Amino acid sequence: MGKAKALVEIRSLARSHTRTAIRVLVGIMRSKDATPAARVSAANAILDRGWGKATQPLENSDGALELIHRIERVIVHPESRDRESA
């Protein structure tokens, strides 16, 4: 069996346990006996699977902020860029 085929089979096997895995995560999240860290971890795992991972904020540096402003001027508000150059 090739490596690609093995990966497909592993993914399929893992996906076949999705309902059980979600139930376990919900059980941990709701468990009064679980540690707070375990409950938060389970809650995050559930949210990640349902909604995708949260975006990571950029570091609060002047360079990143300037880049965001430049992108906004060029892509989001190109008409204001045209007025500035005139």
PDB file of N, CA and C in Angstrom:
ATOM      1  N   MET A   1       0.854  -1.178   0.000  1.00  0.00           N
ATOM      2  CA  MET A   1       0.000   0.000   0.000  1.00  0.00           C
ATOM      3  C   MET A   1       0.894   1.232   0.000  1.00  0.00           C
ATOM      4  N   GLY A   2       0.541   2.204  -0.845  1.00  0.00           N
ATOM      5  CA  GLY A   2       1.321   3.436  -0.930  1.00  0.00           C
ATOM      6  C   GLY A   2       1.043   4.347   0.257  1.00  0.00           C
ATOM      7  N   LYS A   3       1.953   5.291   0.434  1.00  0.00           N
ATOM      8  CA  LYS A   3       1.847   6.224   1.554  1.00  0.00           C
ATOM      9  C   LYS A   3       0.569   7.066   1.449  1.00  0.00           C
ATOM     10  N   ALA A   4       0.262   7.544   0.243  1.00  0.00           N
ATOM     11  CA  ALA A   4      -0.936   8.371   0.053  1.00  0.00           C
ATOM     12  C   ALA A   4      -2.200   7.581   0.388  1.00  0.00           C
ATOM     13  N   LYS A   5      -2.254   6.331  -0.051  1.00  0.00           N
ATOM     14  CA  LYS A   5      -3.427   5.500   0.217  1.00  0.00           C
ATOM     15  C   LYS A   5      -3.563   5.232   1.716  1.00  0.00           C
ATOM     16  N   ALA A   6      -2.441   5.005   2.383  1.00  0.00           N
ATOM     17  CA  ALA A   6      -2.468   4.776   3.829  1.00  0.00           C
ATOM     18  C   ALA A   6      -2.993   6.014   4.556  1.00  0.00           C
ATOM     19  N   LEU A   7      -2.568   7.204   4.130  1.00  0.00           N
ATOM     20  CA  LEU A   7      -3.045   8.437   4.754  1.00  0.00           C
ATOM     21  C   LEU A   7      -4.544   8.616   4.563  1.00  0.00           C
ATOM     22  N   VAL A   8      -5.034   8.274   3.380  1.00  0.00           N
ATOM     23  CA  VAL A   8      -6.470   8.367   3.110  1.00  0.00           C
ATOM     24  C   VAL A   8      -7.239   7.410   4.024  1.00  0.00           C
ATOM     25  N   GLU A   9      -6.728   6.216   4.195  1.00  0.00           N
ATOM     26  CA  GLU A   9      -7.388   5.238   5.060  1.00  0.00           C
ATOM     27  C   GLU A   9      -7.370   5.679   6.521  1.00  0.00           C
ATOM     28  N   ILE A  10      -6.261   6.233   6.965  1.00  0.00           N
ATOM     29  CA  ILE A  10      -6.163   6.718   8.347  1.00  0.00           C
ATOM     30  C   ILE A  10      -7.145   7.861   8.565  1.00  0.00           C
ATOM     31  N   ARG A  11      -7.205   8.784   7.610  1.00  0.00           N
ATOM     32  CA  ARG A  11      -8.136   9.911   7.723  1.00  0.00           C
ATOM     33  C   ARG A  11      -9.579   9.396   7.773  1.00  0.00           C
ATOM     34  N   SER A  12      -9.891   8.449   6.931  1.00  0.00           N
ATOM     35  CA  SER A  12     -11.240   7.880   6.898  1.00  0.00           C
ATOM     36  C   SER A  12     -11.581   7.190   8.221  1.00  0.00           C
ATOM     37  N   LEU A  13     -10.635   6.434   8.750  1.00  0.00           N
ATOM     38  CA  LEU A  13     -10.842   5.756  10.028  1.00  0.00           C
ATOM     39  C   LEU A  13     -11.065   6.774  11.147  1.00  0.00           C
ATOM     40  N   ALA A  14     -10.241   7.799  11.177  1.00  0.00           N
ATOM     41  CA  ALA A  14     -10.385   8.835  12.207  1.00  0.00           C
ATOM     42  C   ALA A  14     -11.734   9.525  12.087  1.00  0.00           C
ATOM     43  N   ARG A  15     -12.143   9.848  10.870  1.00  0.00           N
ATOM     44  CA  ARG A  15     -13.426  10.518  10.673  1.00  0.00           C
ATOM     45  C   ARG A  15     -14.609   9.637  11.066  1.00  0.00           C
ATOM     46  N   SER A  16     -14.434   8.344  10.987  1.00  0.00           N
ATOM     47  CA  SER A  16     -15.533   7.448  11.368  1.00  0.00           C
ATOM     48  C   SER A  16     -15.808   7.511  12.873  1.00  0.00           C
ATOM     49  N   HIS A  17     -14.888   8.068  13.640  1.00  0.00           N
ATOM     50  CA  HIS A  17     -15.051   8.192  15.094  1.00  0.00           C
ATOM     51  C   HIS A  17     -15.411   9.619  15.527  1.00  0.00           C
ATOM     52  N   THR A  18     -15.806  10.434  14.581  1.00  0.00           N
ATOM     53  CA  THR A  18     -16.082  11.840  14.877  1.00  0.00           C
ATOM     54  C   THR A  18     -17.162  12.013  15.931  1.00  0.00           C
ATOM     55  N   ARG A  19     -18.295  11.353  15.772  1.00  0.00           N
ATOM     56  CA  ARG A  19     -19.401  11.508  16.732  1.00  0.00           C
ATOM     57  C   ARG A  19     -18.973  11.116  18.140  1.00  0.00           C
ATOM     58  N   THR A  20     -18.266  10.005  18.251  1.00  0.00           N
ATOM     59  CA  THR A  20     -17.803   9.559  19.564  1.00  0.00           C
ATOM     60  C   THR A  20     -16.835  10.562  20.161  1.00  0.00           C
ATOM     61  N   ALA A  21     -15.908  11.045  19.356  1.00  0.00           N
ATOM     62  CA  ALA A  21     -14.912  11.996  19.842  1.00  0.00           C
ATOM     63  C   ALA A  21     -15.580  13.283  20.320  1.00  0.00           C
ATOM     64  N   ILE A  22     -16.549  13.783  19.573  1.00  0.00           N
ATOM     65  CA  ILE A  22     -17.259  14.997  19.985  1.00  0.00           C
ATOM     66  C   ILE A  22     -18.018  14.739  21.281  1.00  0.00           C
ATOM     67  N   ARG A  23     -18.649  13.579  21.400  1.00  0.00           N
ATOM     68  CA  ARG A  23     -19.367  13.249  22.646  1.00  0.00           C
ATOM     69  C   ARG A  23     -18.415  13.217  23.839  1.00  0.00           C
ATOM     70  N   VAL A  24     -17.234  12.643  23.633  1.00  0.00           N
ATOM     71  CA  VAL A  24     -16.241  12.589  24.711  1.00  0.00           C
ATOM     72  C   VAL A  24     -15.816  14.004  25.095  1.00  0.00           C
ATOM     73  N   LEU A  25     -15.545  14.838  24.104  1.00  0.00           N
ATOM     74  CA  LEU A  25     -15.143  16.215  24.380  1.00  0.00           C
ATOM     75  C   LEU A  25     -16.242  16.971  25.129  1.00  0.00           C
ATOM     76  N   VAL A  26     -17.489  16.786  24.716  1.00  0.00           N
ATOM     77  CA  VAL A  26     -18.608  17.437  25.404  1.00  0.00           C
ATOM     78  C   VAL A  26     -18.713  16.915  26.831  1.00  0.00           C
ATOM     79  N   GLY A  27     -18.513  15.609  27.017  1.00  0.00           N
ATOM     80  CA  GLY A  27     -18.547  15.031  28.356  1.00  0.00           C
ATOM     81  C   GLY A  27     -17.484  15.632  29.263  1.00  0.00           C
ATOM     82  N   ILE A  28     -16.291  15.788  28.730  1.00  0.00           N
ATOM     83  CA  ILE A  28     -15.207  16.396  29.521  1.00  0.00           C
ATOM     84  C   ILE A  28     -15.530  17.850  29.825  1.00  0.00           C
ATOM     85  N   MET A  29     -16.015  18.573  28.812  1.00  0.00           N
ATOM     86  CA  MET A  29     -16.333  19.986  28.985  1.00  0.00           C
ATOM     87  C   MET A  29     -17.384  20.185  30.081  1.00  0.00           C
ATOM     88  N   ARG A  30     -18.345  19.270  30.162  1.00  0.00           N
ATOM     89  CA  ARG A  30     -19.443  19.399  31.130  1.00  0.00           C
ATOM     90  C   ARG A  30     -19.151  18.759  32.484  1.00  0.00           C
ATOM     91  N   SER A  31     -18.086  17.984  32.561  1.00  0.00           N
ATOM     92  CA  SER A  31     -17.787  17.225  33.776  1.00  0.00           C
ATOM     93  C   SER A  31     -17.347  18.120  34.924  1.00  0.00           C
ATOM     94  N   LYS A  32     -18.006  17.982  36.043  1.00  0.00           N
ATOM     95  CA  LYS A  32     -17.612  18.720  37.255  1.00  0.00           C
ATOM     96  C   LYS A  32     -16.305  18.167  37.821  1.00  0.00           C
ATOM     97  N   ASP A  33     -15.996  16.898  37.490  1.00  0.00           N
ATOM     98  CA  ASP A  33     -14.792  16.255  38.007  1.00  0.00           C
ATOM     99  C   ASP A  33     -13.539  16.579  37.184  1.00  0.00           C
ATOM    100  N   ALA A  34     -13.726  17.045  35.964  1.00  0.00           N
ATOM    101  CA  ALA A  34     -12.572  17.363  35.110  1.00  0.00           C
ATOM    102  C   ALA A  34     -11.920  18.654  35.611  1.00  0.00           C
ATOM    103  N   THR A  35     -10.635  18.762  35.396  1.00  0.00           N
ATOM    104  CA  THR A  35      -9.932  19.989  35.798  1.00  0.00           C
ATOM    105  C   THR A  35     -10.404  21.136  34.904  1.00  0.00           C
ATOM    106  N   PRO A  36     -10.309  22.354  35.401  1.00  0.00           N
ATOM    107  CA  PRO A  36     -10.677  23.491  34.549  1.00  0.00           C
ATOM    108  C   PRO A  36      -9.892  23.508  33.232  1.00  0.00           C
ATOM    109  N   ALA A  37      -8.613  23.159  33.284  1.00  0.00           N
ATOM    110  CA  ALA A  37      -7.799  23.136  32.060  1.00  0.00           C
ATOM    111  C   ALA A  37      -8.339  22.118  31.055  1.00  0.00           C
ATOM    112  N   ALA A  38      -8.741  20.951  31.536  1.00  0.00           N
ATOM    113  CA  ALA A  38      -9.295  19.923  30.651  1.00  0.00           C
ATOM    114  C   ALA A  38     -10.612  20.385  30.051  1.00  0.00           C
ATOM    115  N   ARG A  39     -11.435  21.056  30.861  1.00  0.00           N
ATOM    116  CA  ARG A  39     -12.733  21.542  30.374  1.00  0.00           C
ATOM    117  C   ARG A  39     -12.542  22.614  29.306  1.00  0.00           C
ATOM    118  N   VAL A  40     -11.609  23.528  29.540  1.00  0.00           N
ATOM    119  CA  VAL A  40     -11.337  24.583  28.555  1.00  0.00           C
ATOM    120  C   VAL A  40     -10.757  23.976  27.285  1.00  0.00           C
ATOM    121  N   SER A  41      -9.853  23.042  27.430  1.00  0.00           N
ATOM    122  CA  SER A  41      -9.250  22.392  26.271  1.00  0.00           C
ATOM    123  C   SER A  41     -10.312  21.685  25.430  1.00  0.00           C
ATOM    124  N   ALA A  42     -11.222  20.982  26.084  1.00  0.00           N
ATOM    125  CA  ALA A  42     -12.298  20.293  25.372  1.00  0.00           C
ATOM    126  C   ALA A  42     -13.207  21.301  24.674  1.00  0.00           C
ATOM    127  N   ALA A  43     -13.550  22.380  25.372  1.00  0.00           N
ATOM    128  CA  ALA A  43     -14.408  23.407  24.776  1.00  0.00           C
ATOM    129  C   ALA A  43     -13.741  24.021  23.546  1.00  0.00           C
ATOM    130  N   ASN A  44     -12.443  24.324  23.655  1.00  0.00           N
ATOM    131  CA  ASN A  44     -11.723  24.883  22.514  1.00  0.00           C
ATOM    132  C   ASN A  44     -11.684  23.908  21.344  1.00  0.00           C
ATOM    133  N   ALA A  45     -11.474  22.646  21.623  1.00  0.00           N
ATOM    134  CA  ALA A  45     -11.432  21.641  20.558  1.00  0.00           C
ATOM    135  C   ALA A  45     -12.776  21.572  19.844  1.00  0.00           C
ATOM    136  N   ILE A  46     -13.859  21.640  20.602  1.00  0.00           N
ATOM    137  CA  ILE A  46     -15.198  21.606  20.000  1.00  0.00           C
ATOM    138  C   ILE A  46     -15.407  22.840  19.124  1.00  0.00           C
ATOM    139  N   LEU A  47     -15.076  24.001  19.649  1.00  0.00           N
ATOM    140  CA  LEU A  47     -15.244  25.235  18.871  1.00  0.00           C
ATOM    141  C   LEU A  47     -14.383  25.232  17.612  1.00  0.00           C
ATOM    142  N   ASP A  48     -13.135  24.763  17.732  1.00  0.00           N
ATOM    143  CA  ASP A  48     -12.244  24.708  16.571  1.00  0.00           C
ATOM    144  C   ASP A  48     -12.827  23.838  15.468  1.00  0.00           C
ATOM    145  N   ARG A  49     -13.418  22.731  15.840  1.00  0.00           N
ATOM    146  CA  ARG A  49     -13.967  21.836  14.838  1.00  0.00           C
ATOM    147  C   ARG A  49     -15.250  22.376  14.236  1.00  0.00           C
ATOM    148  N   GLY A  50     -16.026  23.088  15.025  1.00  0.00           N
ATOM    149  CA  GLY A  50     -17.284  23.621  14.519  1.00  0.00           C
ATOM    150  C   GLY A  50     -17.148  24.927  13.763  1.00  0.00           C
ATOM    151  N   TRP A  51     -16.207  25.763  14.187  1.00  0.00           N
ATOM    152  CA  TRP A  51     -16.109  27.109  13.627  1.00  0.00           C
ATOM    153  C   TRP A  51     -14.753  27.416  13.020  1.00  0.00           C
ATOM    154  N   GLY A  52     -13.797  26.512  13.145  1.00  0.00           N
ATOM    155  CA  GLY A  52     -12.448  26.787  12.659  1.00  0.00           C
ATOM    156  C   GLY A  52     -11.646  27.468  13.757  1.00  0.00           C
ATOM    157  N   LYS A  53     -10.353  27.447  13.604  1.00  0.00           N
ATOM    158  CA  LYS A  53      -9.485  28.059  14.617  1.00  0.00           C
ATOM    159  C   LYS A  53      -9.619  29.575  14.568  1.00  0.00           C
ATOM    160  N   ALA A  54      -9.525  30.175  15.736  1.00  0.00           N
ATOM    161  CA  ALA A  54      -9.590  31.632  15.817  1.00  0.00           C
ATOM    162  C   ALA A  54      -8.372  32.236  15.146  1.00  0.00           C
ATOM    163  N   THR A  55      -8.555  33.388  14.518  1.00  0.00           N
ATOM    164  CA  THR A  55      -7.421  34.056  13.886  1.00  0.00           C
ATOM    165  C   THR A  55      -6.473  34.554  14.965  1.00  0.00           C
ATOM    166  N   GLN A  56      -5.209  34.554  14.647  1.00  0.00           N
ATOM    167  CA  GLN A  56      -4.186  35.000  15.580  1.00  0.00           C
ATOM    168  C   GLN A  56      -3.927  36.483  15.360  1.00  0.00           C
ATOM    169  N   PRO A  57      -3.959  37.278  16.412  1.00  0.00           N
ATOM    170  CA  PRO A  57      -3.708  38.712  16.228  1.00  0.00           C
ATOM    171  C   PRO A  57      -2.253  38.976  15.860  1.00  0.00           C
ATOM    172  N   LEU A  58      -2.062  40.023  15.085  1.00  0.00           N
ATOM    173  CA  LEU A  58      -0.693  40.431  14.752  1.00  0.00           C
ATOM    174  C   LEU A  58      -0.056  41.084  15.961  1.00  0.00           C
ATOM    175  N   GLU A  59       1.250  41.003  16.038  1.00  0.00           N
ATOM    176  CA  GLU A  59       1.942  41.700  17.120  1.00  0.00           C
ATOM    177  C   GLU A  59       1.667  43.190  16.977  1.00  0.00           C
ATOM    178  N   ASN A  60       1.583  43.848  18.079  1.00  0.00           N
ATOM    179  CA  ASN A  60       1.291  45.273  18.057  1.00  0.00           C
ATOM    180  C   ASN A  60       2.565  46.070  17.793  1.00  0.00           C
ATOM    181  N   SER A  61       3.042  45.963  16.574  1.00  0.00           N
ATOM    182  CA  SER A  61       4.237  46.718  16.205  1.00  0.00           C
ATOM    183  C   SER A  61       3.848  47.736  15.143  1.00  0.00           C
ATOM    184  N   ASP A  62       4.593  48.811  15.069  1.00  0.00           N
ATOM    185  CA  ASP A  62       4.287  49.855  14.099  1.00  0.00           C
ATOM    186  C   ASP A  62       4.342  49.337  12.672  1.00  0.00           C
ATOM    187  N   GLY A  63       5.266  48.427  12.378  1.00  0.00           N
ATOM    188  CA  GLY A  63       5.386  47.886  11.028  1.00  0.00           C
ATOM    189  C   GLY A  63       4.146  47.126  10.608  1.00  0.00           C
ATOM    190  N   ALA A  64       3.612  46.299  11.486  1.00  0.00           N
ATOM    191  CA  ALA A  64       2.412  45.533  11.168  1.00  0.00           C
ATOM    192  C   ALA A  64       1.218  46.462  11.018  1.00  0.00           C
ATOM    193  N   LEU A  65       1.121  47.448  11.885  1.00  0.00           N
ATOM    194  CA  LEU A  65       0.007  48.391  11.817  1.00  0.00           C
ATOM    195  C   LEU A  65       0.074  49.203  10.524  1.00  0.00           C
ATOM    196  N   GLU A  66       1.255  49.631  10.145  1.00  0.00           N
ATOM    197  CA  GLU A  66       1.417  50.372   8.894  1.00  0.00           C
ATOM    198  C   GLU A  66       1.037  49.504   7.704  1.00  0.00           C
ATOM    199  N   LEU A  67       1.410  48.231   7.735  1.00  0.00           N
ATOM    200  CA  LEU A  67       1.057  47.309   6.659  1.00  0.00           C
ATOM    201  C   LEU A  67      -0.462  47.182   6.551  1.00  0.00           C
ATOM    202  N   ILE A  68      -1.137  47.068   7.678  1.00  0.00           N
ATOM    203  CA  ILE A  68      -2.601  46.964   7.669  1.00  0.00           C
ATOM    204  C   ILE A  68      -3.206  48.227   7.064  1.00  0.00           C
ATOM    205  N   HIS A  69      -2.706  49.389   7.452  1.00  0.00           N
ATOM    206  CA  HIS A  69      -3.217  50.643   6.902  1.00  0.00           C
ATOM    207  C   HIS A  69      -2.969  50.732   5.394  1.00  0.00           C
ATOM    208  N   ARG A  70      -1.794  50.291   4.962  1.00  0.00           N
ATOM    209  CA  ARG A  70      -1.480  50.324   3.535  1.00  0.00           C
ATOM    210  C   ARG A  70      -2.417  49.401   2.764  1.00  0.00           C
ATOM    211  N   ILE A  71      -2.645  48.194   3.275  1.00  0.00           N
ATOM    212  CA  ILE A  71      -3.558  47.252   2.626  1.00  0.00           C
ATOM    213  C   ILE A  71      -4.952  47.860   2.548  1.00  0.00           C
ATOM    214  N   GLU A  72      -5.381  48.479   3.630  1.00  0.00           N
ATOM    215  CA  GLU A  72      -6.707  49.094   3.645  1.00  0.00           C
ATOM    216  C   GLU A  72      -6.798  50.198   2.585  1.00  0.00           C
ATOM    217  N   ARG A  73      -5.743  51.024   2.478  1.00  0.00           N
ATOM    218  CA  ARG A  73      -5.768  52.109   1.490  1.00  0.00           C
ATOM    219  C   ARG A  73      -5.782  51.570   0.066  1.00  0.00           C
ATOM    220  N   VAL A  74      -5.014  50.526  -0.197  1.00  0.00           N
ATOM    221  CA  VAL A  74      -4.880  50.015  -1.557  1.00  0.00           C
ATOM    222  C   VAL A  74      -6.060  49.134  -1.956  1.00  0.00           C
ATOM    223  N   ILE A  75      -6.507  48.269  -1.056  1.00  0.00           N
ATOM    224  CA  ILE A  75      -7.529  47.287  -1.416  1.00  0.00           C
ATOM    225  C   ILE A  75      -8.928  47.727  -1.009  1.00  0.00           C
ATOM    226  N   VAL A  76      -9.073  48.167   0.212  1.00  0.00           N
ATOM    227  CA  VAL A  76     -10.404  48.446   0.735  1.00  0.00           C
ATOM    228  C   VAL A  76     -10.923  49.794   0.258  1.00  0.00           C
ATOM    229  N   HIS A  77     -10.063  50.813   0.229  1.00  0.00           N
ATOM    230  CA  HIS A  77     -10.481  52.160  -0.154  1.00  0.00           C
ATOM    231  C   HIS A  77      -9.596  52.701  -1.280  1.00  0.00           C
ATOM    232  N   PRO A  78      -9.585  52.036  -2.445  1.00  0.00           N
ATOM    233  CA  PRO A  78      -8.682  52.506  -3.512  1.00  0.00           C
ATOM    234  C   PRO A  78      -9.043  53.901  -4.018  1.00  0.00           C
ATOM    235  N   GLU A  79     -10.315  54.288  -3.901  1.00  0.00           N
ATOM    236  CA  GLU A  79     -10.706  55.612  -4.392  1.00  0.00           C
ATOM    237  C   GLU A  79     -10.024  56.730  -3.614  1.00  0.00           C
ATOM    238  N   SER A  80      -9.786  56.549  -2.323  1.00  0.00           N
ATOM    239  CA  SER A  80      -9.102  57.584  -1.542  1.00  0.00           C
ATOM    240  C   SER A  80      -7.631  57.653  -1.921  1.00  0.00           C
ATOM    241  N   ARG A  81      -7.050  56.549  -2.337  1.00  0.00           N
ATOM    242  CA  ARG A  81      -5.652  56.526  -2.788  1.00  0.00           C
ATOM    243  C   ARG A  81      -5.520  57.321  -4.068  1.00  0.00           C
ATOM    244  N   ASP A  82      -6.509  57.174  -4.972  1.00  0.00           N
ATOM    245  CA  ASP A  82      -6.464  57.918  -6.235  1.00  0.00           C
ATOM    246  C   ASP A  82      -6.538  59.418  -5.976  1.00  0.00           C
ATOM    247  N   ARG A  83      -7.353  59.845  -5.001  1.00  0.00           N
ATOM    248  CA  ARG A  83      -7.479  61.265  -4.677  1.00  0.00           C
ATOM    249  C   ARG A  83      -6.196  61.811  -4.093  1.00  0.00           C
ATOM    250  N   GLU A  84      -5.475  60.994  -3.281  1.00  0.00           N
ATOM    251  CA  GLU A  84      -4.225  61.445  -2.680  1.00  0.00           C
ATOM    252  C   GLU A  84      -3.149  61.678  -3.719  1.00  0.00           C
ATOM    253  N   SER A  85      -3.130  60.856  -4.812  1.00  0.00           N
ATOM    254  CA  SER A  85      -2.090  61.004  -5.799  1.00  0.00           C
ATOM    255  C   SER A  85      -2.355  62.167  -6.747  1.00  0.00           C
ATOM    256  N   ALA A  86      -3.608  62.616  -6.824  1.00  0.00           N
ATOM    257  CA  ALA A  86      -3.952  63.682  -7.772  1.00  0.00           C
ATOM    258  C   ALA A  86      -3.491  65.031  -7.297  1.00  0.00           C
TER     259      ALA A  86
END
